[in-house]
C-alpha atoms as a PDB file:
ATOM      1  CA  MET A   1     -72.149 -19.950  29.601  1.00  0.00           C
ATOM      2  CA  LYS A   2     -71.893 -20.475  26.000  1.00  0.00           C
ATOM      3  CA  ILE A   3     -74.018 -18.074  23.610  1.00  0.00           C
ATOM      4  CA  ALA A   4     -74.611 -17.498  20.050  1.00  0.00           C
ATOM      5  CA  ILE A   5     -75.710 -14.992  18.371  1.00  0.00           C
ATOM      6  CA  ALA A   6     -76.725 -14.767  14.285  1.00  0.00           C
ATOM      7  CA  VAL A   7     -73.958 -12.349  12.354  1.00  0.00           C
ATOM      8  CA  HIS A   8     -72.784 -11.559   9.025  1.00  0.00           C
ATOM      9  CA  GLU A   9     -69.734 -13.123   7.564  1.00  0.00           C
ATOM     10  CA  ASP A  10     -67.611 -10.501   9.201  1.00  0.00           C
ATOM     11  CA  GLN A  11     -68.172 -12.605  12.368  1.00  0.00           C
ATOM     12  CA  ASP A  12     -69.470  -9.467  14.628  1.00  0.00           C
ATOM     13  CA  THR A  13     -72.224  -7.455  12.753  1.00  0.00           C
ATOM     14  CA  ILE A  14     -75.631  -8.747  14.284  1.00  0.00           C
ATOM     15  CA  PHE A  15     -77.745 -10.402  11.573  1.00  0.00           C
ATOM     16  CA  LYS A  16     -81.395  -9.266  12.383  1.00  0.00           C
ATOM     17  CA  ARG A  17     -83.429 -12.597  10.756  1.00  0.00           C
ATOM     18  CA  THR A  18     -81.756 -15.495  12.930  1.00  0.00           C
ATOM     19  CA  GLY A  19     -82.914 -18.344  10.549  1.00  0.00           C
ATOM     20  CA  GLN A  20     -81.325 -16.651   7.244  1.00  0.00           C
ATOM     21  CA  ALA A  21     -77.918 -15.637   9.207  1.00  0.00           C
ATOM     22  CA  PRO A  22     -74.845 -16.920   7.114  1.00  0.00           C
ATOM     23  CA  ILE A  23     -72.963 -17.786  10.648  1.00  0.00           C
ATOM     24  CA  PHE A  24     -73.367 -17.799  14.263  1.00  0.00           C
ATOM     25  CA  ALA A  25     -70.758 -16.535  16.451  1.00  0.00           C
ATOM     26  CA  ILE A  26     -70.051 -18.717  19.848  1.00  0.00           C
ATOM     27  CA  TYR A  27     -69.117 -17.133  22.661  1.00  0.00           C
ATOM     28  CA  LYS A  28     -67.981 -18.756  25.847  1.00  0.00           C
ATOM     29  CA  ASP A  29     -68.965 -16.005  28.482  1.00  0.00           C
ATOM     30  CA  ASN A  30     -67.566 -12.890  26.885  1.00  0.00           C
ATOM     31  CA  ASN A  31     -64.676 -14.626  24.940  1.00  0.00           C
ATOM     32  CA  PHE A  32     -65.520 -15.460  21.212  1.00  0.00           C
ATOM     33  CA  ILE A  33     -64.733 -18.984  20.611  1.00  0.00           C
ATOM     34  CA  LYS A  34     -65.631 -19.916  16.934  1.00  0.00           C
ATOM     35  CA  THR A  35     -68.164 -19.160  14.281  1.00  0.00           C
ATOM     36  CA  VAL A  36     -70.563 -22.122  13.184  1.00  0.00           C
ATOM     37  CA  LYS A  37     -72.317 -22.042   9.461  1.00  0.00           C
ATOM     38  CA  ASN A  38     -75.871 -21.800   9.004  1.00  0.00           C
ATOM     39  CA  GLY A  39     -76.974 -24.353   6.439  1.00  0.00           C
ATOM     40  CA  HIS A  40     -80.311 -22.685   6.445  1.00  0.00           C
ATOM     41  CA  SER A  41     -79.180 -19.089   5.389  1.00  0.00           C
ATOM     42  CA  HIS A  42     -81.499 -19.132   2.338  1.00  0.00           C
ATOM     43  CA  SER A  43     -84.362 -16.636   1.230  1.00  0.00           C
ATOM     44  CA  GLU A  44     -87.337 -17.388   2.892  1.00  0.00           C
ATOM     45  CA  ASP A  45     -89.159 -17.651  -0.430  1.00  0.00           C
ATOM     46  CA  GLU A  46     -87.209 -20.767  -1.019  1.00  0.00           C
ATOM     47  CA  HIS A  47     -89.338 -22.312   1.692  1.00  0.00           C
ATOM     48  CA  ASP A  48     -92.755 -21.382   1.188  1.00  0.00           C
ATOM     49  CA  SER A  49     -93.651 -24.618  -0.163  1.00  0.00           C
ATOM     50  CA  LEU A  50     -92.649 -26.715   2.644  1.00  0.00           C
ATOM     51  CA  GLU A  51     -94.910 -28.267   5.416  1.00  0.00           C
ATOM     52  CA  HIS A  52     -94.504 -26.781   8.787  1.00  0.00           C
ATOM     53  CA  HIS A  53     -92.657 -29.753   9.901  1.00  0.00           C
ATOM     54  CA  GLU A  54     -90.367 -30.340   7.111  1.00  0.00           C
ATOM     55  CA  HIS A  55     -89.651 -26.350   7.602  1.00  0.00           C
ATOM     56  CA  ILE A  56     -89.030 -26.966  11.305  1.00  0.00           C
ATOM     57  CA  ASN A  57     -86.856 -30.155  10.446  1.00  0.00           C
ATOM     58  CA  GLY A  58     -84.934 -28.528   7.740  1.00  0.00           C
ATOM     59  CA  HIS A  59     -83.761 -25.888  10.424  1.00  0.00           C
ATOM     60  CA  LEU A  60     -83.212 -28.626  12.748  1.00  0.00           C
ATOM     61  CA  LYS A  61     -80.913 -30.377  10.922  1.00  0.00           C
ATOM     62  CA  ASP A  62     -78.721 -27.270   9.999  1.00  0.00           C
ATOM     63  CA  ILE A  63     -78.254 -26.228  13.213  1.00  0.00           C
ATOM     64  CA  GLN A  64     -77.086 -29.107  14.883  1.00  0.00           C
ATOM     65  CA  ASP A  65     -73.711 -27.471  15.530  1.00  0.00           C
ATOM     66  CA  LEU A  66     -75.282 -25.497  17.836  1.00  0.00           C
ATOM     67  CA  LYS A  67     -76.037 -28.444  20.307  1.00  0.00           C
ATOM     68  CA  GLY A  68     -74.736 -27.403  23.460  1.00  0.00           C
ATOM     69  CA  ILE A  69     -75.419 -23.561  23.405  1.00  0.00           C
ATOM     70  CA  GLU A  70     -77.088 -22.619  26.403  1.00  0.00           C
ATOM     71  CA  VAL A  71     -78.892 -19.011  25.031  1.00  0.00           C
ATOM     72  CA  ILE A  72     -79.219 -17.845  21.746  1.00  0.00           C
ATOM     73  CA  LEU A  73     -79.563 -13.780  21.440  1.00  0.00           C
ATOM     74  CA  VAL A  74     -81.900 -12.817  18.622  1.00  0.00           C
ATOM     75  CA  GLN A  75     -83.297  -9.655  17.290  1.00  0.00           C
ATOM     76  CA  ALA A  76     -85.945 -11.344  15.046  1.00  0.00           C
ATOM     77  CA  ILE A  77     -86.726 -15.062  14.841  1.00  0.00           C
ATOM     78  CA  GLY A  78     -89.349 -16.879  12.836  1.00  0.00           C
ATOM     79  CA  PRO A  79     -91.378 -19.633  14.024  1.00  0.00           C
ATOM     80  CA  HIS A  80     -90.017 -22.258  12.560  1.00  0.00           C
ATOM     81  CA  MET A  81     -86.339 -21.502  13.842  1.00  0.00           C
ATOM     82  CA  ARG A  82     -87.765 -20.710  17.135  1.00  0.00           C
ATOM     83  CA  GLU A  83     -89.259 -24.678  17.147  1.00  0.00           C
ATOM     84  CA  ALA A  84     -86.014 -25.750  16.147  1.00  0.00           C
ATOM     85  CA  LEU A  85     -84.255 -24.139  18.531  1.00  0.00           C
ATOM     86  CA  GLU A  86     -86.363 -25.066  21.471  1.00  0.00           C
ATOM     87  CA  MET A  87     -86.106 -28.852  20.158  1.00  0.00           C
ATOM     88  CA  LEU A  88     -82.090 -28.190  21.461  1.00  0.00           C
ATOM     89  CA  ASN A  89     -82.919 -26.786  24.457  1.00  0.00           C
ATOM     90  CA  ILE A  90     -81.480 -23.481  23.636  1.00  0.00           C
ATOM     91  CA  LYS A  91     -82.917 -20.572  25.219  1.00  0.00           C
ATOM     92  CA  ILE A  92     -84.052 -17.513  23.056  1.00  0.00           C
ATOM     93  CA  VAL A  93     -83.458 -14.076  24.211  1.00  0.00           C
ATOM     94  CA  LYS A  94     -84.703 -11.321  22.533  1.00  0.00           C
ATOM     95  CA  ILE A  95     -82.551  -8.292  21.831  1.00  0.00           C
ATOM     96  CA  ASP A  96     -83.175  -4.712  20.792  1.00  0.00           C
ATOM     97  CA  LYS A  97     -80.901  -2.091  19.026  1.00  0.00           C
ATOM     98  CA  SER A  98     -79.940  -0.790  22.326  1.00  0.00           C
ATOM     99  CA  TYR A  99     -77.699  -4.090  22.526  1.00  0.00           C
ATOM    100  CA  GLY A 100     -75.467  -2.360  19.769  1.00  0.00           C
ATOM    101  CA  ASN A 101     -74.786  -3.689  16.451  1.00  0.00           C
ATOM    102  CA  SER A 102     -71.979  -5.991  17.452  1.00  0.00           C
ATOM    103  CA  ALA A 103     -71.824  -9.186  18.780  1.00  0.00           C
ATOM    104  CA  LYS A 104     -69.466  -8.175  21.440  1.00  0.00           C
ATOM    105  CA  GLU A 105     -71.541  -5.254  22.247  1.00  0.00           C
ATOM    106  CA  ALA A 106     -74.416  -7.502  22.616  1.00  0.00           C
ATOM    107  CA  ILE A 107     -72.986 -10.184  24.490  1.00  0.00           C
ATOM    108  CA  SER A 108     -71.350  -7.970  26.962  1.00  0.00           C
ATOM    109  CA  LYS A 109     -74.451  -6.180  27.659  1.00  0.00           C
ATOM    110  CA  PHE A 110     -76.358  -9.604  27.799  1.00  0.00           C
ATOM    111  CA  LEU A 111     -73.810 -10.839  30.699  1.00  0.00           C
ATOM    112  CA  LYS A 112     -74.080  -7.622  32.490  1.00  0.00           C
ATOM    113  CA  GLU A 113     -77.655  -7.622  32.932  1.00  0.00           C
ATOM    114  CA  ASN A 114     -77.562 -11.763  33.930  1.00  0.00           C
ATOM    115  CA  SER A 115     -74.774 -11.748  36.391  1.00  0.00           C
END
């Protein structure tokens, strides 16, 4: 199973707000594969003037490299990012602090719970 999670530049610390994360860590099952840059990692204020569909299309354009991901683990996600991920048929799974602070911890716990 290919799983993505929003992380800081260190490639492991979970970034709380998915749509604003600088990168996504990509795992195949419990193995780290690579990172994917999030071209949409801007301040939310920069997008206040965009219409709903423009904002979604902006996210969608910026996350095209996530195509083929089956699941994304999120702590917090805005409605525009949620809709963009759903358009790519990526299942969104909300996680909380009990999953840990690192991508590796969160992926391991998710896989244990879903095996």
